[in-house]
């Protein structure tokens, strides 16, 4: 079994952290959108922020979460490919 370098382990850990953070951001956005969907004309929510603005913020949070998940996957795959090239050379 080949040995794994410390740099490869740290890269994998960082990628996992990116992916888990992205999933958490997506979940937070989902919960926020569920709260916003419960608002109505009689119960409009806080006066400081309209429901449309709050929904936009939750959508941006969800997009950020998806971007972090994709970034973590791309960096992890790139690191694995680079490690495989180094070992074959």
N, C-alpha and C. Protein backbone atom coordinates (compact mmCIF):
# COMPACT_ATOMS: atom_id res chain seq x y z
N UNK A 1 0.84 -1.17 0.00
CA UNK A 1 0.00 0.00 0.00
C UNK A 1 0.90 1.24 0.00
N UNK A 2 0.67 2.17 -0.92
CA UNK A 2 1.53 3.36 -0.99
C UNK A 2 1.27 4.29 0.19
N UNK A 3 2.32 4.99 0.58
CA UNK A 3 2.17 5.94 1.68
C UNK A 3 1.58 7.23 1.15
N UNK A 4 0.82 7.87 1.99
CA UNK A 4 0.18 9.13 1.64
C UNK A 4 0.95 10.26 2.31
N UNK A 5 1.24 11.29 1.54
CA UNK A 5 2.01 12.41 2.09
C UNK A 5 1.13 13.26 3.00
N UNK A 6 1.78 14.01 3.81
CA UNK A 6 1.05 14.90 4.72
C UNK A 6 0.32 15.98 3.93
N UNK A 7 0.95 16.46 2.88
CA UNK A 7 0.33 17.49 2.05
C UNK A 7 -0.96 16.96 1.40
N UNK A 8 -0.96 15.72 0.95
CA UNK A 8 -2.16 15.13 0.35
C UNK A 8 -3.27 14.98 1.38
N UNK A 9 -2.92 14.58 2.59
CA UNK A 9 -3.94 14.45 3.64
C UNK A 9 -4.53 15.81 3.99
N UNK A 10 -3.69 16.83 4.09
CA UNK A 10 -4.20 18.16 4.41
C UNK A 10 -5.06 18.71 3.28
N UNK A 11 -4.69 18.42 2.04
CA UNK A 11 -5.50 18.85 0.91
C UNK A 11 -6.87 18.17 0.95
N UNK A 12 -6.88 16.88 1.22
CA UNK A 12 -8.15 16.16 1.33
C UNK A 12 -9.00 16.70 2.47
N UNK A 13 -8.37 17.01 3.59
CA UNK A 13 -9.09 17.57 4.73
C UNK A 13 -9.68 18.95 4.40
N UNK A 14 -8.90 19.77 3.70
CA UNK A 14 -9.38 21.10 3.31
C UNK A 14 -10.55 20.98 2.34
N UNK A 15 -10.46 20.05 1.40
CA UNK A 15 -11.56 19.85 0.45
C UNK A 15 -12.82 19.38 1.17
N UNK A 16 -12.65 18.48 2.11
CA UNK A 16 -13.79 18.00 2.89
C UNK A 16 -14.41 19.15 3.69
N UNK A 17 -13.58 20.02 4.22
CA UNK A 17 -14.09 21.18 4.95
C UNK A 17 -14.88 22.11 4.04
N UNK A 18 -14.38 22.34 2.82
CA UNK A 18 -15.12 23.14 1.84
C UNK A 18 -16.48 22.52 1.54
N UNK A 19 -16.49 21.22 1.31
CA UNK A 19 -17.72 20.54 0.95
C UNK A 19 -18.72 20.58 2.11
N UNK A 20 -18.27 20.31 3.32
CA UNK A 20 -19.18 20.33 4.47
C UNK A 20 -19.70 21.74 4.76
N UNK A 21 -18.85 22.74 4.59
CA UNK A 21 -19.30 24.13 4.78
C UNK A 21 -20.34 24.49 3.73
N UNK A 22 -20.12 24.07 2.50
CA UNK A 22 -21.10 24.33 1.44
C UNK A 22 -22.43 23.66 1.71
N UNK A 23 -22.38 22.43 2.20
CA UNK A 23 -23.62 21.72 2.54
C UNK A 23 -24.34 22.44 3.67
N UNK A 24 -23.59 22.90 4.66
CA UNK A 24 -24.19 23.65 5.76
C UNK A 24 -24.84 24.95 5.30
N UNK A 25 -24.16 25.64 4.38
CA UNK A 25 -24.74 26.88 3.84
C UNK A 25 -26.01 26.60 3.06
N UNK A 26 -26.02 25.52 2.29
CA UNK A 26 -27.22 25.15 1.54
C UNK A 26 -28.37 24.79 2.47
N UNK A 27 -28.06 24.09 3.55
CA UNK A 27 -29.10 23.73 4.51
C UNK A 27 -29.65 24.98 5.21
N UNK A 28 -28.77 25.89 5.58
CA UNK A 28 -29.22 27.14 6.22
C UNK A 28 -30.11 27.94 5.28
N UNK A 29 -29.76 27.97 4.01
CA UNK A 29 -30.58 28.69 3.05
C UNK A 29 -31.94 28.02 2.89
N UNK A 30 -31.96 26.69 2.90
CA UNK A 30 -33.21 25.96 2.78
C UNK A 30 -34.13 26.24 3.97
N UNK A 31 -33.56 26.25 5.16
CA UNK A 31 -34.36 26.55 6.36
C UNK A 31 -34.90 27.98 6.29
N UNK A 32 -34.07 28.90 5.85
CA UNK A 32 -34.49 30.30 5.75
C UNK A 32 -35.61 30.46 4.73
N UNK A 33 -35.51 29.77 3.60
CA UNK A 33 -36.56 29.86 2.58
C UNK A 33 -37.86 29.24 3.07
N UNK A 34 -37.78 28.18 3.89
CA UNK A 34 -38.99 27.60 4.46
C UNK A 34 -39.66 28.59 5.41
N UNK A 35 -38.85 29.32 6.19
CA UNK A 35 -39.41 30.33 7.08
C UNK A 35 -40.08 31.44 6.29
N UNK A 36 -39.45 31.84 5.20
CA UNK A 36 -40.00 32.93 4.38
C UNK A 36 -41.30 32.48 3.71
N UNK A 37 -41.38 31.22 3.32
CA UNK A 37 -42.59 30.73 2.66
C UNK A 37 -43.79 30.73 3.59
N UNK A 38 -43.58 30.74 4.89
CA UNK A 38 -44.67 30.76 5.86
C UNK A 38 -45.24 32.16 6.08
N UNK A 39 -44.56 33.19 5.55
CA UNK A 39 -45.05 34.55 5.71
C UNK A 39 -46.27 34.77 4.83
N UNK A 40 -47.15 35.67 5.26
CA UNK A 40 -48.35 35.97 4.49
C UNK A 40 -48.63 37.47 4.58
N UNK A 41 -49.73 37.88 3.96
CA UNK A 41 -50.10 39.29 4.00
C UNK A 41 -50.42 39.72 5.43
N UNK A 42 -51.05 38.85 6.19
CA UNK A 42 -51.41 39.20 7.57
C UNK A 42 -50.21 39.11 8.51
N UNK A 43 -49.27 38.25 8.19
CA UNK A 43 -48.06 38.09 9.00
C UNK A 43 -46.84 38.30 8.10
N UNK A 44 -46.51 39.54 7.80
CA UNK A 44 -45.47 39.81 6.81
C UNK A 44 -44.04 39.62 7.31
N UNK A 45 -43.85 39.41 8.57
CA UNK A 45 -42.49 39.24 9.09
C UNK A 45 -41.94 40.57 9.61
N UNK A 46 -40.65 40.63 9.84
CA UNK A 46 -40.06 41.85 10.40
C UNK A 46 -40.12 43.02 9.41
N UNK A 47 -40.24 44.21 9.96
CA UNK A 47 -40.32 45.41 9.12
C UNK A 47 -38.96 45.80 8.53
N UNK A 48 -37.90 45.32 9.13
CA UNK A 48 -36.57 45.74 8.70
C UNK A 48 -36.19 45.16 7.33
N UNK A 49 -36.80 44.04 6.94
CA UNK A 49 -36.43 43.40 5.68
C UNK A 49 -37.67 42.80 5.03
N UNK A 50 -37.85 43.07 3.75
CA UNK A 50 -39.00 42.51 3.06
C UNK A 50 -38.75 41.03 2.77
N UNK A 51 -39.81 40.31 2.51
CA UNK A 51 -39.70 38.88 2.22
C UNK A 51 -38.92 38.64 0.92
N UNK A 52 -39.09 39.53 -0.04
CA UNK A 52 -38.38 39.39 -1.31
C UNK A 52 -36.87 39.57 -1.12
N UNK A 53 -36.49 40.54 -0.33
CA UNK A 53 -35.06 40.76 -0.06
C UNK A 53 -34.49 39.59 0.74
N UNK A 54 -35.23 39.10 1.71
CA UNK A 54 -34.77 37.96 2.51
C UNK A 54 -34.63 36.72 1.63
N UNK A 55 -35.55 36.52 0.69
CA UNK A 55 -35.45 35.38 -0.22
C UNK A 55 -34.24 35.51 -1.12
N UNK A 56 -33.95 36.73 -1.58
CA UNK A 56 -32.75 36.94 -2.39
C UNK A 56 -31.48 36.61 -1.61
N UNK A 57 -31.42 37.02 -0.37
CA UNK A 57 -30.25 36.73 0.47
C UNK A 57 -30.10 35.22 0.69
N UNK A 58 -31.22 34.53 0.92
CA UNK A 58 -31.17 33.09 1.11
C UNK A 58 -30.74 32.39 -0.18
N UNK A 59 -31.18 32.91 -1.31
CA UNK A 59 -30.78 32.32 -2.60
C UNK A 59 -29.28 32.51 -2.83
N UNK A 60 -28.76 33.69 -2.51
CA UNK A 60 -27.32 33.94 -2.65
C UNK A 60 -26.52 33.03 -1.71
N UNK A 61 -27.04 32.79 -0.53
CA UNK A 61 -26.39 31.88 0.41
C UNK A 61 -26.36 30.46 -0.15
N UNK A 62 -27.45 30.05 -0.77
CA UNK A 62 -27.50 28.73 -1.38
C UNK A 62 -26.52 28.63 -2.54
N UNK A 63 -26.43 29.66 -3.37
CA UNK A 63 -25.47 29.67 -4.48
C UNK A 63 -24.04 29.60 -3.96
N UNK A 64 -23.76 30.30 -2.88
CA UNK A 64 -22.43 30.23 -2.28
C UNK A 64 -22.12 28.84 -1.77
N UNK A 65 -23.11 28.17 -1.20
CA UNK A 65 -22.92 26.81 -0.73
C UNK A 65 -22.62 25.86 -1.87
N UNK A 66 -23.35 25.99 -2.97
CA UNK A 66 -23.10 25.15 -4.13
C UNK A 66 -21.71 25.42 -4.69
N UNK A 67 -21.31 26.68 -4.73
CA UNK A 67 -19.98 27.03 -5.23
C UNK A 67 -18.88 26.42 -4.36
N UNK A 68 -19.07 26.42 -3.04
CA UNK A 68 -18.07 25.81 -2.16
C UNK A 68 -17.99 24.30 -2.35
N UNK A 69 -19.12 23.65 -2.56
CA UNK A 69 -19.11 22.21 -2.79
C UNK A 69 -18.37 21.89 -4.09
N UNK A 70 -18.69 22.63 -5.14
CA UNK A 70 -18.02 22.41 -6.43
C UNK A 70 -16.53 22.70 -6.32
N UNK A 71 -16.18 23.78 -5.63
CA UNK A 71 -14.77 24.12 -5.46
C UNK A 71 -14.02 23.03 -4.70
N UNK A 72 -14.62 22.51 -3.66
CA UNK A 72 -13.99 21.42 -2.91
C UNK A 72 -13.79 20.18 -3.75
N UNK A 73 -14.78 19.85 -4.58
CA UNK A 73 -14.66 18.67 -5.45
C UNK A 73 -13.58 18.89 -6.51
N UNK A 74 -13.54 20.06 -7.11
CA UNK A 74 -12.55 20.34 -8.15
C UNK A 74 -11.14 20.32 -7.58
N UNK A 75 -10.94 20.95 -6.44
CA UNK A 75 -9.61 20.97 -5.84
C UNK A 75 -9.20 19.56 -5.41
N UNK A 76 -10.12 18.81 -4.85
CA UNK A 76 -9.80 17.43 -4.45
C UNK A 76 -9.45 16.55 -5.63
N UNK A 77 -10.22 16.66 -6.71
CA UNK A 77 -9.92 15.86 -7.90
C UNK A 77 -8.60 16.29 -8.53
N UNK A 78 -8.37 17.60 -8.57
CA UNK A 78 -7.10 18.09 -9.12
C UNK A 78 -5.91 17.62 -8.30
N UNK A 79 -6.05 17.63 -7.00
CA UNK A 79 -4.98 17.14 -6.13
C UNK A 79 -4.71 15.65 -6.31
N UNK A 80 -5.79 14.89 -6.50
CA UNK A 80 -5.62 13.45 -6.71
C UNK A 80 -4.95 13.17 -8.05
N UNK A 81 -5.33 13.91 -9.08
CA UNK A 81 -4.71 13.73 -10.40
C UNK A 81 -3.24 14.11 -10.34
N UNK A 82 -2.93 15.22 -9.68
CA UNK A 82 -1.55 15.67 -9.56
C UNK A 82 -0.71 14.65 -8.76
N UNK A 83 -1.28 14.09 -7.72
CA UNK A 83 -0.57 13.08 -6.93
C UNK A 83 -0.32 11.81 -7.73
N UNK A 84 -1.30 11.42 -8.55
CA UNK A 84 -1.13 10.23 -9.38
C UNK A 84 -0.06 10.46 -10.45
N UNK A 85 0.01 11.66 -10.99
CA UNK A 85 1.04 11.97 -12.00
C UNK A 85 2.44 11.94 -11.38
N UNK A 86 2.54 12.44 -10.15
CA UNK A 86 3.85 12.46 -9.48
C UNK A 86 4.34 11.04 -9.20
N UNK A 87 3.42 10.17 -8.80
CA UNK A 87 3.81 8.80 -8.48
C UNK A 87 4.18 8.01 -9.71
N UNK A 88 3.53 8.30 -10.86
CA UNK A 88 3.84 7.57 -12.07
C UNK A 88 5.15 8.02 -12.71
N UNK A 89 5.57 9.24 -12.41
CA UNK A 89 6.80 9.75 -13.02
C UNK A 89 8.05 9.34 -12.30
